């Protein structure tokens, strides 16, 4: 039996509590980061009323309010306006969309801060970023590679000796972890049917246990043979960061990425179940009832998906990565290089999306209970989009949420 380094295991290897039983913005305007000329800002506000699905924990109706700020008509696609105007609905209770680029800037928010009060949604509130965390993780690893603290061709066997069993007969490189071609299988997770997930939402799952159960399965395929997107790859990358630097992953990520990019609203929650500061509450729609899932312990996701951020901060991350402010340009190519494997779309921290007609977009989406997040841009930043959505089936509807609030930004 092999374990993660002891200093990390000690921080997370606590006994899980008994399962809990479930009970039955003015818009934030940030400076355009890509040099688009400022021009007159137009504001559109649509007000009305709409019934929410019947809920034991909410009133039957809540006001709809859409706040839109656009620098030019081209910056505000009709589809984005329409997507926001429909909130709250069965897909989401609130959404914030920030789009920028050569055509100008668009900022929109809609929905409600919480369904009980029906207050207008916050445009600058914190959200759970989910797997967008991987962009931060990859940035840290690539910085260490630029400093010659590690090589992308270094192996897990070398960097974390004794972690992988003898079943792993082929070397697993750092690059394999970054682009999800390692062959290491998923470890334990707080998954299962919705009712089970909710009952265990405050449980703690030690990182050491996630790693142990993943390694015990042996490899699913030889490294580099296939691409399989799994959180375990980024869990191991974080352990490598800790081994190489001698510091907690969260501290290194904050020092190297969050701080320099000015992501002041972003943090790693660790054992905390709530979200600090102002935020829109997250819900899961269960049999027509909005169940509040804002408070949820994220220890099972750790460096693969536990970041708390804000739409404005995620935009800073997006621009910082693409311009080379977060990752030196030589290593940055790894984030825009997909392995030559049939069906592969993932690079180091990002994913490649072919929208047709020669239009290629790079980005990353994430989902945690009650929250969807996404960042995407063309390589030259001629068009960018960031969204933060309180999705009511967040883990199951990442694709539809991106199609509604993200893809329309690219025309």
Protein backbone atom coordinates (compact mmCIF):
# COMPACT_ATOMS: atom_id res chain seq x y z
CA UNK A 1 0.00 0.00 0.00
CA UNK A 2 1.44 3.35 -1.03
CA UNK A 3 0.47 6.79 0.23
CA UNK A 4 0.81 10.44 -0.62
CA UNK A 5 3.57 12.38 1.15
CA UNK A 6 2.89 12.45 4.88
CA UNK A 7 2.77 16.23 5.32
CA UNK A 8 -0.26 16.40 3.03
CA UNK A 9 -1.89 13.29 4.37
CA UNK A 10 -1.81 14.77 7.86
CA UNK A 11 -3.73 17.81 6.70
CA UNK A 12 -6.59 15.82 5.21
CA UNK A 13 -6.70 12.39 6.85
CA UNK A 14 -9.44 13.11 9.32
CA UNK A 15 -12.33 10.88 10.25
CA UNK A 16 -15.52 11.54 8.31
CA UNK A 17 -18.51 12.67 10.36
CA UNK A 18 -21.82 10.85 10.25
CA UNK A 19 -23.85 11.51 7.09
CA UNK A 20 -26.32 14.33 7.27
CA UNK A 21 -29.93 13.69 6.27
CA UNK A 22 -31.24 16.12 3.61
CA UNK A 23 -34.23 18.33 4.45
CA UNK A 24 -37.23 17.78 2.30
CA UNK A 25 -25.45 42.16 -9.22
CA UNK A 26 -25.61 45.55 -9.68
CA UNK A 27 -23.34 44.45 -12.53
CA UNK A 28 -19.60 44.54 -11.77
CA UNK A 29 -17.65 46.36 -14.48
CA UNK A 30 -13.95 45.65 -14.77
CA UNK A 31 -11.46 47.29 -17.08
CA UNK A 32 -11.19 45.62 -20.48
CA UNK A 33 -8.04 43.52 -20.19
CA UNK A 34 -7.26 43.14 -23.90
CA UNK A 35 -6.81 46.76 -24.90
CA UNK A 36 -10.22 47.33 -26.52
CA UNK A 37 -10.92 51.06 -26.85
CA UNK A 38 -13.42 52.34 -24.34
CA UNK A 39 -16.60 53.81 -25.75
CA UNK A 40 -20.04 54.74 -24.56
CA UNK A 41 -21.67 52.18 -22.30
CA UNK A 42 -25.31 51.40 -22.93
CA UNK A 43 -27.47 49.86 -20.29
CA UNK A 44 -30.50 47.65 -20.78
CA UNK A 45 -32.67 46.66 -17.86
CA UNK A 46 -35.57 44.29 -18.26
CA UNK A 47 -37.92 43.87 -15.37
CA UNK A 48 -40.82 41.52 -14.89
CA UNK A 49 -42.08 38.65 -12.80
CA UNK A 50 -41.98 34.92 -13.32
CA UNK A 51 -43.03 31.96 -11.27
CA UNK A 52 -40.34 29.68 -9.95
CA UNK A 53 -41.01 25.96 -9.62
CA UNK A 54 -42.89 25.21 -6.45
CA UNK A 55 -40.41 24.92 -3.60
CA UNK A 56 -40.79 24.26 0.07
CA UNK A 57 -37.95 26.65 0.80
CA UNK A 58 -38.86 29.56 -1.46
CA UNK A 59 -41.74 31.87 -2.41
CA UNK A 60 -43.77 30.99 -5.49
CA UNK A 61 -42.47 33.96 -7.50
CA UNK A 62 -39.39 36.13 -7.75
CA UNK A 63 -38.52 39.23 -9.78
CA UNK A 64 -36.47 38.92 -12.93
CA UNK A 65 -33.82 41.53 -13.53
CA UNK A 66 -31.29 41.60 -16.33
CA UNK A 67 -28.44 44.07 -16.15
CA UNK A 68 -26.40 44.45 -19.34
CA UNK A 69 -23.47 46.75 -20.09
CA UNK A 70 -22.08 46.70 -23.62
CA UNK A 71 -19.51 48.85 -25.39
CA UNK A 72 -21.00 48.13 -28.80
CA UNK A 73 -23.94 46.17 -30.24
CA UNK A 74 -21.48 43.59 -31.64
CA UNK A 75 -20.20 42.95 -28.14
CA UNK A 76 -23.62 41.86 -26.92
CA UNK A 77 -24.81 38.85 -28.94
CA UNK A 78 -28.57 38.49 -29.04
CA UNK A 79 -28.25 34.91 -27.80
CA UNK A 80 -26.42 36.02 -24.64
CA UNK A 81 -29.04 38.64 -23.91
CA UNK A 82 -31.77 36.08 -24.44
CA UNK A 83 -30.01 33.54 -22.21
CA UNK A 84 -29.82 36.03 -19.36
CA UNK A 85 -33.35 37.34 -19.87
CA UNK A 86 -34.80 33.93 -19.11
CA UNK A 87 -33.50 33.72 -15.54
CA UNK A 88 -34.33 32.34 -13.09
CA UNK A 89 -35.55 29.13 -14.69
CA UNK A 90 -35.21 25.37 -14.33
CA UNK A 91 -31.60 25.43 -15.58
CA UNK A 92 -30.18 28.17 -13.37
CA UNK A 93 -31.18 30.69 -10.73
CA UNK A 94 -28.51 33.26 -11.64
CA UNK A 95 -25.78 33.89 -14.21
CA UNK A 96 -22.97 36.35 -14.86
CA UNK A 97 -21.36 36.64 -18.30
CA UNK A 98 -18.27 38.69 -19.17
CA UNK A 99 -17.24 38.84 -22.82
CA UNK A 100 -14.48 40.90 -24.41
CA UNK A 101 -12.23 41.26 -27.41
CA UNK A 102 -11.94 43.31 -30.57
CA UNK A 103 -15.69 43.88 -30.90
CA UNK A 104 -15.92 45.57 -27.51
CA UNK A 105 -17.05 44.44 -24.11
CA UNK A 106 -20.22 42.87 -22.76
CA UNK A 107 -21.12 42.39 -19.10
CA UNK A 108 -24.42 40.84 -18.12
CA UNK A 109 -25.99 39.45 -14.99
CA UNK A 110 -29.45 38.11 -14.26
CA UNK A 111 -31.47 36.01 -11.87
CA UNK A 112 -31.70 36.04 -8.10
CA UNK A 113 -29.19 36.02 -5.29
CA UNK A 114 -31.32 33.50 -3.41
CA UNK A 115 -34.76 32.17 -4.17
CA UNK A 116 -36.13 32.83 -0.70
CA UNK A 117 -35.73 36.62 -0.88
CA UNK A 118 -35.76 37.04 -4.67
CA UNK A 119 -33.06 39.72 -4.41
CA UNK A 120 -31.25 40.63 -7.61
CA UNK A 121 -28.27 38.41 -8.37
CA UNK A 122 -24.79 39.65 -7.54
CA UNK A 123 -22.59 40.30 -10.57
CA UNK A 124 -19.39 40.26 -8.52
CA UNK A 125 -20.12 37.46 -6.04
CA UNK A 126 -17.91 34.46 -5.44
CA UNK A 127 -18.61 31.11 -7.10
CA UNK A 128 -17.19 27.61 -6.99
CA UNK A 129 -14.96 27.30 -10.06
CA UNK A 130 -14.80 23.50 -10.17
CA UNK A 131 -12.34 22.13 -12.70
CA UNK A 132 -11.22 25.59 -13.80
CA UNK A 133 -8.92 24.97 -10.80
CA UNK A 134 -6.88 22.78 -13.17
CA UNK A 135 -5.79 25.87 -15.12
CA UNK A 136 -4.21 27.23 -11.94
CA UNK A 137 -2.63 23.87 -11.15
CA UNK A 138 -1.14 23.51 -14.64
CA UNK A 139 0.20 27.06 -14.45
CA UNK A 140 2.09 26.28 -11.25
CA UNK A 141 3.59 23.10 -12.71
CA UNK A 142 4.67 24.88 -15.89
CA UNK A 143 6.28 27.67 -13.86
CA UNK A 144 8.31 25.05 -11.98
CA UNK A 145 9.33 23.55 -15.32
CA UNK A 146 10.47 26.98 -16.51
CA UNK A 147 12.60 27.27 -13.38
CA UNK A 148 14.13 23.82 -14.00
CA UNK A 149 12.69 22.65 -10.69
CA UNK A 150 11.22 19.73 -12.61
CA UNK A 151 11.03 18.46 -16.17
CA UNK A 152 7.80 17.60 -17.97
CA UNK A 153 9.55 14.37 -18.87
CA UNK A 154 10.25 13.60 -15.20
CA UNK A 155 8.25 10.62 -13.97
CA UNK A 156 5.93 10.04 -11.08
CA UNK A 157 8.16 7.13 -10.16
CA UNK A 158 11.09 9.54 -9.77
CA UNK A 159 9.28 12.45 -8.14
CA UNK A 160 7.03 10.46 -5.81
CA UNK A 161 9.01 7.25 -5.25
CA UNK A 162 6.96 4.34 -3.95
CA UNK A 163 3.61 5.91 -4.84
CA UNK A 164 2.89 3.76 -7.89
CA UNK A 165 2.82 -0.01 -7.52
CA UNK A 166 4.75 -2.54 -9.58
CA UNK A 167 1.69 -2.83 -11.82
CA UNK A 168 2.77 0.45 -13.41
CA UNK A 169 5.49 -1.01 -15.61
CA UNK A 170 5.80 2.07 -17.84
CA UNK A 171 7.04 5.48 -16.67
CA UNK A 172 4.25 8.04 -16.10
CA UNK A 173 5.53 11.52 -16.88
CA UNK A 174 4.47 14.92 -15.62
CA UNK A 175 3.31 15.67 -19.16
CA UNK A 176 1.11 12.55 -19.08
CA UNK A 177 -0.57 13.92 -15.96
CA UNK A 178 -1.00 17.39 -17.47
CA UNK A 179 -2.71 16.16 -20.64
CA UNK A 180 -4.62 13.23 -19.08
CA UNK A 181 -2.72 10.45 -20.84
CA UNK A 182 -1.30 8.80 -17.69
CA UNK A 183 -3.50 5.71 -17.63
CA UNK A 184 -3.96 6.09 -13.87
CA UNK A 185 -7.55 5.33 -12.92
CA UNK A 186 -9.94 7.38 -10.80
CA UNK A 187 -9.73 7.02 -7.06
CA UNK A 188 -12.46 7.12 -4.45
CA UNK A 189 -14.88 10.04 -4.62
CA UNK A 190 -18.02 11.29 -2.95
CA UNK A 191 -20.15 10.41 -5.95
CA UNK A 192 -23.19 8.19 -6.44
CA UNK A 193 -26.90 9.05 -6.68
CA UNK A 194 -27.92 12.60 -5.79
CA UNK A 195 -29.50 11.61 -2.48
CA UNK A 196 -26.29 9.87 -1.42
CA UNK A 197 -24.11 12.81 -2.44
CA UNK A 198 -26.29 15.21 -0.49
CA UNK A 199 -26.31 13.03 2.61
CA UNK A 200 -22.50 12.99 2.58
CA UNK A 201 -21.93 16.61 1.55
CA UNK A 202 -20.04 17.44 4.77
CA UNK A 203 -17.88 14.29 4.77
CA UNK A 204 -14.12 14.49 4.47
CA UNK A 205 -12.28 12.32 1.96
CA UNK A 206 -8.51 12.35 2.57
CA UNK A 207 -6.34 12.92 -0.47
CA UNK A 208 -4.24 9.94 0.61
CA UNK A 209 -7.32 7.73 0.30
CA UNK A 210 -8.16 9.09 -3.16
CA UNK A 211 -4.62 8.33 -4.31
CA UNK A 212 -4.43 4.92 -2.61
CA UNK A 213 -7.65 3.67 -4.21
CA UNK A 214 -6.62 4.98 -7.63
CA UNK A 215 -3.21 3.33 -7.57
CA UNK A 216 -4.65 0.06 -6.25
CA UNK A 217 -6.59 -0.39 -9.49
CA UNK A 218 -3.46 -0.43 -11.58
CA UNK A 219 -3.18 1.29 -14.98
CA UNK A 220 -6.10 1.38 -17.39
CA UNK A 221 -3.74 1.73 -20.35
CA UNK A 222 -0.08 2.46 -21.11
CA UNK A 223 0.89 6.14 -20.70
CA UNK A 224 0.37 8.10 -23.91
CA UNK A 225 -1.84 5.44 -25.46
CA UNK A 226 -5.16 7.15 -24.80
CA UNK A 227 -6.56 10.30 -23.26
CA UNK A 228 -8.93 9.99 -20.31
CA UNK A 229 -9.94 13.11 -18.41
CA UNK A 230 -9.71 12.40 -14.67
CA UNK A 231 -9.19 14.46 -11.52
CA UNK A 232 -6.56 12.04 -10.21
CA UNK A 233 -4.02 13.41 -12.70
CA UNK A 234 -4.20 16.86 -11.15
CA UNK A 235 -4.26 15.48 -7.63
CA UNK A 236 -0.90 13.86 -8.33
CA UNK A 237 0.40 17.06 -9.94
CA UNK A 238 -0.39 18.94 -6.73
CA UNK A 239 1.48 16.32 -4.70
CA UNK A 240 4.45 16.81 -7.02
CA UNK A 241 4.26 20.58 -6.49
CA UNK A 242 4.35 19.99 -2.74
CA UNK A 243 7.27 17.58 -3.03
CA UNK A 244 9.33 19.88 -5.26
CA UNK A 245 8.65 23.12 -3.36
CA UNK A 246 8.29 21.81 0.19
CA UNK A 247 5.18 23.97 0.58
CA UNK A 248 1.42 23.27 0.54
CA UNK A 249 -0.07 23.37 -2.95
CA UNK A 250 -2.51 26.10 -1.94
CA UNK A 251 0.32 28.36 -0.79
CA UNK A 252 2.29 27.88 -4.00
CA UNK A 253 -0.75 28.44 -6.21
CA UNK A 254 -1.62 31.62 -4.33
CA UNK A 255 1.95 32.92 -4.43
CA UNK A 256 2.55 32.07 -8.08
CA UNK A 257 -0.84 32.60 -9.76
CA UNK A 258 -3.65 34.10 -7.69
CA UNK A 259 -1.55 36.88 -6.16
CA UNK A 260 0.39 38.03 -9.26
CA UNK A 261 -2.77 38.07 -11.41
CA UNK A 262 -4.70 40.13 -8.83
CA UNK A 263 -7.23 37.38 -8.15
CA UNK A 264 -8.12 38.81 -4.76
CA UNK A 265 -11.53 37.14 -4.49
CA UNK A 266 -10.07 33.68 -5.12
CA UNK A 267 -8.96 31.17 -2.51
CA UNK A 268 -8.74 27.46 -1.76
CA UNK A 269 -11.38 26.53 0.85
CA UNK A 270 -9.67 23.50 2.35
CA UNK A 271 -11.97 22.08 5.02
CA UNK A 272 -14.47 24.96 4.89
CA UNK A 273 -18.01 24.11 3.80
CA UNK A 274 -19.26 27.64 3.12
CA UNK A 275 -18.24 30.35 0.67
CA UNK A 276 -16.66 33.45 2.17
CA UNK A 277 -18.05 36.89 1.45
CA UNK A 278 -20.88 37.86 -0.87
CA UNK A 279 -22.14 35.19 -3.25
CA UNK A 280 -25.22 33.92 -5.02
CA UNK A 281 -26.54 30.77 -3.40
CA UNK A 282 -26.39 27.49 -5.29
CA UNK A 283 -29.27 25.04 -5.67
CA UNK A 284 -30.05 21.59 -6.97
CA UNK A 285 -33.49 21.18 -8.49
CA UNK A 286 -34.92 17.97 -7.06
CA UNK A 287 -38.49 16.98 -8.01
CA UNK A 288 -39.39 20.63 -8.53
CA UNK A 289 -37.82 21.76 -5.25
CA UNK A 290 -34.75 23.99 -5.07
CA UNK A 291 -32.48 22.37 -2.47
CA UNK A 292 -29.78 24.75 -1.20
CA UNK A 293 -26.35 23.19 -1.84
CA UNK A 294 -24.19 26.25 -1.20
CA UNK A 295 -22.56 24.69 1.84
CA UNK A 296 -20.56 21.65 0.72
CA UNK A 297 -17.15 20.29 1.70
CA UNK A 298 -14.85 19.94 -1.34
CA UNK A 299 -11.94 17.92 0.05
CA UNK A 300 -12.47 15.10 -2.45
CA UNK A 301 -11.65 17.47 -5.34
CA UNK A 302 -8.76 19.44 -3.80
CA UNK A 303 -6.32 20.79 -6.43
CA UNK A 304 -8.40 19.35 -9.26
CA UNK A 305 -11.54 21.34 -8.52
CA UNK A 306 -11.99 23.15 -5.18
CA UNK A 307 -11.11 26.77 -6.09
CA UNK A 308 -13.52 29.49 -4.99
CA UNK A 309 -13.32 32.51 -7.30
CA UNK A 310 -15.42 35.17 -9.03
CA UNK A 311 -16.20 35.85 -12.70
CA UNK A 312 -13.90 38.89 -12.69
CA UNK A 313 -11.07 36.86 -11.19
CA UNK A 314 -11.58 34.04 -13.69
CA UNK A 315 -11.27 36.61 -16.45
CA UNK A 316 -7.97 37.74 -14.94
CA UNK A 317 -6.85 34.10 -14.97
CA UNK A 318 -7.90 33.63 -18.60
CA UNK A 319 -6.07 36.72 -19.82
CA UNK A 320 -3.07 36.09 -17.58
CA UNK A 321 -2.62 32.59 -18.99
CA UNK A 322 -3.14 33.49 -22.65
CA UNK A 323 -0.80 36.52 -22.55
CA UNK A 324 2.00 34.66 -20.82
CA UNK A 325 1.67 36.55 -17.53
CA UNK A 326 0.92 33.32 -15.65
CA UNK A 327 3.13 30.92 -17.62
CA UNK A 328 6.40 31.70 -19.45
CA UNK A 329 5.85 31.59 -23.20
CA UNK A 330 8.08 28.59 -23.85
CA UNK A 331 6.08 26.44 -21.45
CA UNK A 332 2.82 28.11 -22.49
CA UNK A 333 2.85 26.09 -25.71
CA UNK A 334 2.01 23.03 -23.59
CA UNK A 335 -1.36 24.62 -22.83
CA UNK A 336 -2.12 24.87 -26.54
CA UNK A 337 -0.79 21.46 -27.58
CA UNK A 338 -3.15 18.48 -27.74
CA UNK A 339 -1.46 15.06 -27.84
CA UNK A 340 -1.54 13.25 -31.17
CA UNK A 341 -4.07 10.68 -30.01
CA UNK A 342 -7.34 9.87 -31.72
CA UNK A 343 -10.17 11.88 -30.12
CA UNK A 344 -7.90 13.91 -27.82
CA UNK A 345 -9.03 17.46 -26.98
CA UNK A 346 -7.28 18.18 -23.66
CA UNK A 347 -3.96 19.97 -23.34
CA UNK A 348 -2.14 21.05 -20.17
CA UNK A 349 -5.00 22.61 -18.20
CA UNK A 350 -7.14 23.59 -21.19
CA UNK A 351 -9.40 22.01 -23.79
CA UNK A 352 -9.58 22.69 -27.52
CA UNK A 353 -13.01 23.38 -29.03
CA UNK A 354 -13.53 23.38 -32.79
CA UNK A 355 -16.59 25.55 -33.47
CA UNK A 356 -16.51 25.02 -37.24
CA UNK A 357 -15.58 27.29 -40.12
CA UNK A 358 -12.00 27.28 -38.89
CA UNK A 359 -12.89 28.86 -35.55
CA UNK A 360 -10.96 27.29 -32.66
CA UNK A 361 -11.47 28.21 -29.02
CA UNK A 362 -9.45 27.14 -25.97
CA UNK A 363 -10.91 27.06 -22.48
CA UNK A 364 -11.97 25.15 -19.41
CA UNK A 365 -15.26 24.57 -17.68
CA UNK A 366 -16.02 23.41 -14.18
CA UNK A 367 -18.95 22.32 -12.06
CA UNK A 368 -19.62 21.72 -8.40
CA UNK A 369 -23.04 21.26 -6.77
CA UNK A 370 -25.01 24.42 -7.47
CA UNK A 371 -22.31 26.12 -9.54
CA UNK A 372 -21.02 26.12 -13.13
CA UNK A 373 -18.05 28.15 -14.32
CA UNK A 374 -16.25 28.51 -17.60
CA UNK A 375 -13.46 30.44 -19.32
CA UNK A 376 -12.75 30.42 -23.05
CA UNK A 377 -11.02 32.50 -25.72
CA UNK A 378 -9.54 32.44 -29.15
CA UNK A 379 -5.77 32.03 -28.98
CA UNK A 380 -5.19 35.69 -29.91
CA UNK A 381 -7.81 36.93 -27.39
CA UNK A 382 -9.85 38.48 -30.21
CA UNK A 383 -12.85 37.08 -28.35
CA UNK A 384 -13.12 35.97 -24.74
CA UNK A 385 -15.90 34.83 -22.45
CA UNK A 386 -16.22 33.97 -18.78
CA UNK A 387 -19.39 32.78 -17.10
CA UNK A 388 -20.43 31.99 -13.56
CA UNK A 389 -23.79 30.27 -13.23
CA UNK A 390 -25.73 28.88 -10.31
CA UNK A 391 -26.90 25.86 -12.27
CA UNK A 392 -29.67 23.76 -10.78
CA UNK A 393 -28.23 20.49 -12.12
CA UNK A 394 -24.66 21.76 -12.33
CA UNK A 395 -22.78 18.46 -12.46
CA UNK A 396 -25.07 16.99 -15.10
CA UNK A 397 -25.56 20.04 -17.34
CA UNK A 398 -22.09 21.47 -17.97
CA UNK A 399 -22.50 21.15 -21.74
CA UNK A 400 -25.90 22.85 -21.98
CA UNK A 401 -24.76 25.65 -19.65
CA UNK A 402 -21.70 26.30 -21.80
CA UNK A 403 -23.84 26.22 -24.94
CA UNK A 404 -26.22 28.77 -23.45
CA UNK A 405 -23.90 31.21 -21.69
CA UNK A 406 -20.50 30.70 -23.31
CA UNK A 407 -20.48 29.56 -26.93
CA UNK A 408 -22.80 32.37 -28.21
CA UNK A 409 -20.05 34.89 -27.38
CA UNK A 410 -18.10 33.53 -30.36
CA UNK A 411 -20.85 34.22 -32.87
